[in-house]
Structure formats: C-alpha cells, structure tokens
Amino acid sequence: MTNFSNKGSIGNPFALWKSNSLIRKDQFSWLHKRLFSYFGLIDLLKKHNFNIVSIKTAGYYPLPSFFAKVDRIHGHWITIKARKK
C-alpha cells in the first residue's frame, strides 16, 4: 500500500493510486500505522519538504548486523535524521 499520505503515493513510483484525490476523506482512519521501506520513508520525508541529513540502519537477518552498515537499503531498522526545508 502506497496511499497513506495526503501528499499522494509514497515509495512506489509504479503505484496505481498516485493521486491523493482518489483517497476519500472518510478513509483517513486507515492511515494510522505503517511499516516503511527504505525508499518509502525517504520519499515521504521529501514530499513533506524535509532534507535528508543522514541515514542509518541496523539489523540484517539472517546475517550479522554488520551488513546493515554495508547495505543500508536492506537493513531492518531505519533511522533518518532530516530537517525541514
């Protein structure tokens, strides 16, 4: 699901639901909790006018967590430092 922000589709450039006009006002109750992918979280922050300062990830099951420092995209826990533009 990519339609959980009033700024439009988040995280998937090929999503079918790109327009926020397709989200009915009574459906905002299902916008509460979401799991984000690496790119989805970056996309959400950029659409809300944040500059990404730094990104760190941790956890890389089933391999040792060291691999999360090498391959940030697939780390299990994502921490992003961002500043409002």
Protein backbone atom coordinates (compact mmCIF):
# COMPACT_ATOMS: atom_id res chain seq x y z
CA MET A 1 0.00 0.00 0.00
CA THR A 2 1.40 3.35 -1.01
CA ASN A 3 -1.61 5.57 -0.42
CA PHE A 4 -1.24 6.54 3.22
CA SER A 5 -0.25 10.18 2.91
CA ASN A 6 -2.29 13.16 1.82
CA LYS A 7 0.73 14.07 -0.37
CA GLY A 8 -0.02 11.17 -2.75
CA SER A 9 1.62 7.82 -3.46
CA ILE A 10 4.69 7.09 -1.30
CA GLY A 11 7.59 4.74 -2.03
CA ASN A 12 6.46 3.09 -5.26
CA PRO A 13 6.75 5.10 -8.48
CA PHE A 14 4.68 2.43 -10.28
CA ALA A 15 1.72 2.53 -7.85
CA LEU A 16 -1.76 2.60 -9.35
CA TRP A 17 -3.04 5.11 -6.77
CA LYS A 18 -0.83 8.16 -7.35
CA SER A 19 -3.41 10.89 -6.84
CA ASN A 20 -4.48 11.97 -3.38
CA SER A 21 -7.86 12.87 -4.89
CA LEU A 22 -8.55 9.13 -5.06
CA ILE A 23 -8.44 8.86 -1.26
CA ARG A 24 -11.82 9.57 0.27
CA LYS A 25 -11.90 11.79 3.35
CA ASP A 26 -13.63 9.05 5.37
CA GLN A 27 -10.72 6.65 4.66
CA PHE A 28 -8.10 8.63 6.57
CA SER A 29 -8.72 6.44 9.62
CA TRP A 30 -6.72 3.65 7.91
CA LEU A 31 -3.71 5.93 7.51
CA HIS A 32 -2.51 5.44 11.07
CA LYS A 33 0.29 2.85 11.38
CA ARG A 34 2.57 1.72 8.59
CA LEU A 35 5.85 -0.05 8.06
CA PHE A 36 8.15 1.84 5.73
CA SER A 37 10.71 0.60 3.30
CA TYR A 38 13.98 2.48 2.96
CA PHE A 39 12.84 4.31 -0.16
CA GLY A 40 9.28 4.80 1.11
CA LEU A 41 10.43 6.65 4.22
CA ILE A 42 12.77 8.88 2.20
CA ASP A 43 10.01 9.61 -0.30
CA LEU A 44 7.55 10.51 2.48
CA LEU A 45 10.01 12.93 4.10
CA LYS A 46 10.84 14.60 0.78
CA LYS A 47 7.16 15.05 -0.09
CA HIS A 48 6.71 16.82 3.25
CA ASN A 49 9.61 19.20 2.46
CA PHE A 50 12.39 17.66 4.55
CA ASN A 51 16.07 17.49 3.59
CA ILE A 52 17.73 14.18 4.43
CA VAL A 53 20.79 14.76 6.63
CA SER A 54 21.85 11.18 7.38
CA ILE A 55 20.51 7.62 7.26
CA LYS A 56 21.49 4.67 9.45
CA THR A 57 20.14 1.16 9.51
CA ALA A 58 20.57 -1.78 11.86
CA GLY A 59 19.73 -5.47 11.74
CA TYR A 60 20.23 -7.70 8.72
CA TYR A 61 18.58 -11.06 9.38
CA PRO A 62 19.76 -13.80 8.98
CA LEU A 63 23.24 -12.33 8.57
CA PRO A 64 25.17 -10.41 11.25
CA SER A 65 24.03 -6.82 11.79
CA PHE A 66 27.35 -5.55 10.39
CA PHE A 67 25.87 -5.99 6.91
CA ALA A 68 23.32 -3.25 7.61
CA LYS A 69 26.19 -0.75 7.58
CA VAL A 70 27.33 -2.02 4.19
CA ASP A 71 23.88 -2.38 2.62
CA ARG A 72 21.64 0.29 4.20
CA ILE A 73 18.77 -0.35 1.82
CA HIS A 74 18.02 -3.78 3.31
CA GLY A 75 18.64 -3.04 6.99
CA HIS A 76 15.67 -3.90 9.22
CA TRP A 77 15.55 -0.75 11.34
CA ILE A 78 15.89 2.63 9.67
CA THR A 79 16.82 5.88 11.39
CA ILE A 80 16.76 9.08 9.36
CA LYS A 81 17.89 12.50 10.50
CA ALA A 82 16.03 15.12 8.47
CA ARG A 83 15.49 18.87 8.62
CA LYS A 84 12.51 20.86 7.43
CA LYS A 85 13.36 23.00 4.39
